N, C-alpha and C. Protein backbone atom coordinates (compact mmCIF):
# COMPACT_ATOMS: atom_id res chain seq x y z
N UNK A 1 29.76 27.05 126.43
CA UNK A 1 29.45 27.36 125.04
C UNK A 1 30.20 28.10 124.33
N UNK A 2 31.05 28.15 123.61
CA UNK A 2 32.35 29.19 122.98
C UNK A 2 31.52 30.19 122.33
N UNK A 3 32.41 31.11 122.08
CA UNK A 3 31.70 32.34 121.35
C UNK A 3 33.00 31.81 119.63
N UNK A 4 32.16 31.37 118.58
CA UNK A 4 32.21 31.49 117.49
C UNK A 4 32.37 32.62 116.56
N UNK A 5 33.41 33.59 116.37
CA UNK A 5 32.87 34.83 115.63
C UNK A 5 33.85 34.73 114.38
N UNK A 6 33.46 35.19 113.59
CA UNK A 6 34.19 35.46 112.47
C UNK A 6 33.62 36.35 111.41
N UNK A 7 35.06 37.54 110.93
CA UNK A 7 34.70 38.43 110.44
C UNK A 7 35.06 38.65 109.28
N UNK A 8 34.89 39.39 107.99
CA UNK A 8 35.39 39.61 106.90
C UNK A 8 36.54 41.04 106.98
N UNK A 9 37.65 40.29 106.89
CA UNK A 9 38.53 41.28 107.32
C UNK A 9 38.99 42.47 106.39
N UNK A 10 38.12 42.34 104.82
CA UNK A 10 38.16 43.22 104.01
C UNK A 10 37.05 43.79 104.35
N UNK A 11 35.93 44.09 105.02
CA UNK A 11 34.73 44.79 105.27
C UNK A 11 35.41 45.74 105.35
N UNK A 12 34.39 47.15 105.37
CA UNK A 12 34.38 48.49 105.42
C UNK A 12 33.90 48.94 107.05
N UNK A 13 33.63 47.89 107.52
CA UNK A 13 32.51 48.19 108.80
C UNK A 13 33.97 48.70 110.14
N UNK A 14 33.61 49.66 111.00
CA UNK A 14 34.46 49.98 112.08
C UNK A 14 34.51 48.89 112.71
N UNK A 15 35.86 49.03 113.37
CA UNK A 15 36.63 47.63 114.22
C UNK A 15 35.49 47.85 115.24
N UNK A 16 34.82 48.79 115.75
CA UNK A 16 33.93 48.52 116.97
C UNK A 16 32.71 48.43 116.71
N UNK A 17 32.73 48.06 115.33
CA UNK A 17 31.48 47.89 114.94
C UNK A 17 31.11 46.24 114.40
N UNK A 18 32.57 45.72 114.26
CA UNK A 18 32.50 44.28 113.92
C UNK A 18 32.47 43.24 114.42
N UNK A 19 32.03 43.51 115.55
CA UNK A 19 31.86 42.13 116.44
C UNK A 19 30.85 41.97 117.44
N UNK A 20 30.22 41.08 117.54
CA UNK A 20 28.89 41.16 118.26
C UNK A 20 29.16 41.87 120.10
N UNK A 21 28.01 42.74 120.30
CA UNK A 21 28.05 43.46 121.70
C UNK A 21 27.44 42.73 122.64
N UNK A 22 28.04 42.38 123.72
CA UNK A 22 27.20 41.77 124.88
C UNK A 22 27.06 42.57 126.22
N UNK A 23 25.52 42.83 126.24
CA UNK A 23 25.19 43.80 127.43
C UNK A 23 25.69 42.82 128.92
N UNK A 24 26.38 43.69 129.73
CA UNK A 24 26.98 43.10 130.74
C UNK A 24 26.66 44.01 132.04
N UNK A 25 26.67 45.24 131.88
CA UNK A 25 26.03 46.04 132.86
C UNK A 25 26.95 46.31 134.24
N UNK A 26 28.11 45.80 134.39
CA UNK A 26 29.13 45.35 135.32
C UNK A 26 30.02 46.41 135.62
N UNK A 27 30.10 46.69 137.09
CA UNK A 27 31.07 48.08 137.59
C UNK A 27 32.51 47.46 136.82
N UNK A 28 33.21 48.61 136.77
CA UNK A 28 34.81 48.40 136.42
C UNK A 28 35.59 49.77 137.17
N UNK A 29 36.71 49.81 136.92
CA UNK A 29 37.63 50.70 137.22
C UNK A 29 38.60 51.28 135.72
N UNK A 30 38.97 52.43 135.36
CA UNK A 30 39.73 52.92 134.65
C UNK A 30 40.92 53.25 135.22
N UNK A 31 41.75 52.39 134.76
CA UNK A 31 43.24 53.03 135.63
C UNK A 31 44.02 53.76 134.71
N UNK A 32 44.70 54.94 135.12
CA UNK A 32 45.49 55.72 134.23
C UNK A 32 46.62 54.96 134.37
N UNK A 33 47.28 55.02 133.24
CA UNK A 33 49.12 54.99 133.36
C UNK A 33 49.89 56.13 133.46
N UNK A 34 50.14 56.44 134.77
CA UNK A 34 51.23 57.49 134.86
C UNK A 34 52.42 57.75 134.72
N UNK A 35 53.20 58.27 135.55
CA UNK A 35 54.21 58.34 134.97
C UNK A 35 55.64 57.21 135.48
N UNK A 36 56.26 56.39 134.79
CA UNK A 36 57.16 55.53 134.93
C UNK A 36 56.15 54.35 135.14
N UNK A 37 54.91 54.53 134.22
CA UNK A 37 53.97 53.09 134.46
C UNK A 37 53.40 53.26 135.78
N UNK A 38 53.14 53.92 136.38
CA UNK A 38 52.53 54.13 137.29
C UNK A 38 51.34 53.75 137.26
N UNK A 39 50.50 52.91 138.31
CA UNK A 39 48.84 52.60 137.92
C UNK A 39 48.11 53.27 139.33
N UNK A 40 48.37 54.28 139.86
CA UNK A 40 47.73 54.29 141.04
C UNK A 40 46.86 55.38 141.17
N UNK A 41 46.38 55.99 140.09
CA UNK A 41 45.19 56.84 139.90
C UNK A 41 43.85 55.73 139.57
N UNK A 42 42.95 55.69 139.43
CA UNK A 42 41.86 54.88 139.11
C UNK A 42 40.31 55.57 139.56
N UNK A 43 39.64 55.26 138.70
CA UNK A 43 38.00 56.09 138.92
C UNK A 43 37.13 55.05 138.40
N UNK A 44 35.78 55.03 139.03
CA UNK A 44 34.97 53.83 138.80
C UNK A 44 34.47 54.27 137.47
N UNK A 45 33.74 53.26 136.90
CA UNK A 45 32.87 53.43 135.58
C UNK A 45 32.17 51.94 135.76
N UNK A 46 30.98 51.89 134.47
CA UNK A 46 30.18 50.72 134.45
C UNK A 46 30.64 50.52 133.37
N UNK A 47 30.76 49.54 133.08
CA UNK A 47 30.61 48.72 131.57
C UNK A 47 29.45 48.07 131.01
N UNK A 48 28.80 48.96 130.07
CA UNK A 48 27.73 48.86 129.68
C UNK A 48 27.69 47.54 128.40
N UNK A 49 28.28 47.26 127.62
CA UNK A 49 28.59 46.92 126.87
C UNK A 49 30.12 46.07 126.85
N UNK A 50 30.42 44.74 126.01
CA UNK A 50 31.71 44.48 125.92
C UNK A 50 31.53 43.42 124.44
N UNK A 51 32.56 43.48 123.74
CA UNK A 51 32.70 42.63 122.10
C UNK A 51 34.47 42.12 122.31
N UNK A 52 34.56 41.83 121.57
CA UNK A 52 35.86 41.14 121.43
C UNK A 52 37.08 42.27 121.12
N UNK A 53 36.57 43.34 120.31
CA UNK A 53 37.58 44.10 120.07
C UNK A 53 37.45 45.71 120.98
N UNK A 54 35.82 46.18 121.92
CA UNK A 54 35.97 46.91 122.60
C UNK A 54 34.82 46.78 123.53
N UNK A 55 34.49 48.16 124.28
CA UNK A 55 33.02 48.45 125.06
C UNK A 55 32.93 49.48 125.28
N UNK A 56 31.58 49.26 125.63
CA UNK A 56 30.79 50.85 126.38
C UNK A 56 30.77 51.18 127.71
N UNK A 57 31.34 51.83 127.85
CA UNK A 57 31.46 52.62 129.31
C UNK A 57 30.37 53.77 129.84
N UNK A 58 30.17 53.97 130.83
CA UNK A 58 29.64 55.03 131.29
C UNK A 58 30.59 55.58 132.66
N UNK A 59 30.82 56.57 132.00
CA UNK A 59 32.27 57.53 132.96
C UNK A 59 31.17 59.12 133.58
N UNK A 60 31.90 59.63 134.59
CA UNK A 60 31.64 60.78 135.04
C UNK A 60 31.94 61.96 134.10
N UNK A 61 30.96 62.78 133.17
CA UNK A 61 30.87 63.86 132.41
C UNK A 61 31.97 64.36 132.78
N UNK A 62 32.52 64.49 134.20
CA UNK A 62 33.80 65.74 134.55
C UNK A 62 34.89 65.19 134.47
N UNK A 63 34.88 63.61 134.15
CA UNK A 63 36.32 63.01 134.01
C UNK A 63 37.15 63.34 132.73
N UNK A 64 38.26 63.90 132.89
CA UNK A 64 39.03 63.86 132.31
C UNK A 64 39.80 62.33 131.80
N UNK A 65 39.16 62.04 130.46
CA UNK A 65 39.91 60.73 130.46
C UNK A 65 41.15 61.15 129.48
N UNK A 66 42.38 60.12 129.83
CA UNK A 66 43.48 60.19 128.64
C UNK A 66 42.90 59.44 127.65
N UNK A 67 43.79 59.65 126.42
CA UNK A 67 43.71 58.67 125.46
C UNK A 67 43.65 57.16 125.47
N UNK A 68 44.82 57.03 126.18
CA UNK A 68 45.25 55.35 126.66
C UNK A 68 44.97 55.07 127.96
N UNK A 69 44.30 54.07 128.48
CA UNK A 69 44.30 53.68 130.22
C UNK A 69 44.32 52.43 129.85
N UNK A 70 43.91 51.74 131.22
CA UNK A 70 43.53 50.27 131.38
C UNK A 70 42.13 50.06 131.95
N UNK A 71 41.57 48.93 131.70
CA UNK A 71 39.96 48.85 132.23
C UNK A 71 40.11 47.44 132.93
N UNK A 72 39.58 47.33 134.26
CA UNK A 72 39.62 46.64 134.90
C UNK A 72 38.05 46.24 135.33
N UNK A 73 37.46 45.15 134.75
CA UNK A 73 36.14 44.52 135.02
C UNK A 73 35.97 43.81 136.51
N UNK A 74 35.05 44.22 137.55
CA UNK A 74 35.10 43.61 138.90
C UNK A 74 34.61 42.39 138.49
N UNK A 75 35.50 41.37 139.06
CA UNK A 75 35.40 39.67 138.96
C UNK A 75 36.34 39.57 138.37
N UNK A 76 37.56 40.09 137.51
CA UNK A 76 38.05 39.46 136.80
C UNK A 76 39.52 40.16 137.06
N UNK A 77 40.32 39.57 137.24
CA UNK A 77 41.71 40.24 137.52
C UNK A 77 42.70 40.97 136.90
N UNK A 78 42.37 40.64 135.25
CA UNK A 78 43.40 40.78 134.12
C UNK A 78 42.64 42.79 133.77
N UNK A 79 43.97 43.04 133.51
CA UNK A 79 43.43 44.76 133.10
C UNK A 79 43.76 44.75 131.53
N UNK A 80 42.83 45.54 131.20
CA UNK A 80 42.60 45.47 129.82
C UNK A 80 43.29 46.97 129.29
N UNK A 81 44.11 46.56 127.84
CA UNK A 81 44.56 48.21 127.47
C UNK A 81 43.31 48.55 126.64
N UNK A 82 43.11 49.70 126.72
CA UNK A 82 42.35 50.66 126.02
C UNK A 82 42.57 51.43 125.51
N UNK A 83 42.02 52.02 124.33
CA UNK A 83 42.05 53.45 123.27
C UNK A 83 40.68 53.87 123.48
N UNK A 84 40.52 55.35 123.80
CA UNK A 84 39.03 56.13 123.51
C UNK A 84 39.00 56.17 122.01
N UNK A 85 37.99 55.57 121.86
CA UNK A 85 37.63 55.82 119.97
C UNK A 85 36.48 57.10 119.82
N UNK A 86 35.91 57.43 120.90
CA UNK A 86 34.65 58.22 120.77
C UNK A 86 33.95 58.52 122.27
N UNK A 87 33.34 59.68 122.71
CA UNK A 87 32.91 60.24 123.76
C UNK A 87 32.09 61.20 123.42
N UNK A 88 30.99 60.70 124.00
CA UNK A 88 29.69 61.61 124.28
C UNK A 88 28.98 62.15 125.49
N UNK A 89 29.74 62.94 126.12
CA UNK A 89 29.25 62.96 127.40
C UNK A 89 29.74 62.19 128.47
N UNK A 90 28.55 61.18 129.31
CA UNK A 90 28.93 60.21 130.14
C UNK A 90 29.37 58.96 129.27
N UNK A 91 28.99 58.56 127.95
CA UNK A 91 29.06 57.33 127.25
C UNK A 91 30.46 57.60 126.46
N UNK A 92 31.01 56.57 126.66
CA UNK A 92 32.44 56.35 126.22
C UNK A 92 32.68 54.84 125.42
N UNK A 93 33.04 55.00 124.26
CA UNK A 93 33.48 53.77 123.63
C UNK A 93 34.81 53.73 123.20
N UNK A 94 35.38 52.61 124.08
CA UNK A 94 36.74 52.40 123.71
C UNK A 94 36.82 51.30 122.95
N UNK A 95 38.00 50.98 122.29
CA UNK A 95 38.97 50.05 121.50
C UNK A 95 39.77 49.25 122.28
N UNK A 96 39.84 47.91 122.20
CA UNK A 96 40.69 46.90 122.92
C UNK A 96 42.50 46.96 122.03
N UNK A 97 43.18 47.47 122.98
CA UNK A 97 44.61 47.36 122.57
C UNK A 97 44.75 46.13 121.25
N UNK A 98 44.24 44.84 122.05
CA UNK A 98 44.48 43.62 121.46
C UNK A 98 43.08 43.03 121.31
N UNK A 99 42.37 42.13 120.53
CA UNK A 99 41.19 41.72 120.48
C UNK A 99 41.26 40.29 121.47
N UNK A 100 39.85 40.52 122.51
CA UNK A 100 40.04 39.62 123.28
C UNK A 100 39.82 37.91 122.91
N UNK A 101 40.16 37.47 123.55
CA UNK A 101 40.15 35.72 123.45
C UNK A 101 38.39 35.52 123.58
N UNK A 102 37.58 34.83 122.62
CA UNK A 102 36.76 34.64 122.98
C UNK A 102 36.00 34.04 124.34
N UNK A 103 37.07 33.06 125.00
CA UNK A 103 37.02 32.41 126.16
C UNK A 103 36.80 33.58 127.34
N UNK A 104 37.21 34.51 127.14
CA UNK A 104 37.53 35.66 128.10
C UNK A 104 36.27 36.33 128.33
N UNK A 105 35.62 36.79 126.95
CA UNK A 105 34.42 37.32 126.99
C UNK A 105 33.46 36.08 127.60
N UNK A 106 33.59 35.33 127.24
CA UNK A 106 32.43 34.22 127.63
C UNK A 106 32.56 34.08 129.14
N UNK A 107 33.61 34.52 129.56
CA UNK A 107 33.92 34.41 130.92
C UNK A 107 33.27 35.53 131.75
N UNK A 108 33.55 36.58 131.30
CA UNK A 108 33.03 37.71 131.64
C UNK A 108 31.56 38.00 131.60
N UNK A 109 30.74 37.41 130.74
CA UNK A 109 29.11 37.04 130.24
C UNK A 109 28.91 36.22 131.31
N UNK A 110 29.41 35.13 131.92
CA UNK A 110 29.32 34.40 132.84
C UNK A 110 29.09 34.70 134.26
N UNK A 111 30.21 35.96 134.59
CA UNK A 111 30.19 36.60 135.71
C UNK A 111 28.86 37.26 135.81
N UNK A 112 28.57 37.78 134.78
CA UNK A 112 27.44 38.49 135.04
C UNK A 112 25.99 37.90 135.04
N UNK A 113 25.99 36.81 134.27
CA UNK A 113 24.73 36.07 134.26
C UNK A 113 24.49 35.44 135.88
N UNK A 114 25.80 34.68 136.33
CA UNK A 114 25.81 34.18 137.57
C UNK A 114 25.36 35.24 138.89
N UNK A 115 25.97 36.63 138.36
CA UNK A 115 25.28 37.82 139.34
C UNK A 115 24.41 38.15 139.46
N UNK A 116 23.49 37.62 138.38
CA UNK A 116 21.82 38.27 137.94
C UNK A 116 21.80 39.72 137.18
N UNK A 117 23.00 39.91 136.76
CA UNK A 117 23.34 41.37 135.92
C UNK A 117 22.56 41.38 134.48
N UNK A 118 22.30 39.70 134.01
CA UNK A 118 22.21 39.84 132.65
C UNK A 118 20.69 39.09 132.40
């Protein structure tokens, strides 16, 4: 079942609210981009929801987040480039640096469904 999403590019809706959000409650990793593009430092997070353009994450409120990092979702090999849009305590809203393919989001949803998380 492909996700068919069409949005009006002229709308004043913020990008993080322009696409449907899907609850996945899936573990993930925030991977910091260090010196010389090293990715040795990472921290755990919980990916609460995902859309084609971004995600809602739960992180430790004491974790200092850089503005840009990579997100890895458990069970998915790809790392997704992210930019922090908003942070309130442990809840972080991120925008993806590129829109995700609907097939990719479908794959992530299927993983969560198969694991009984949705």
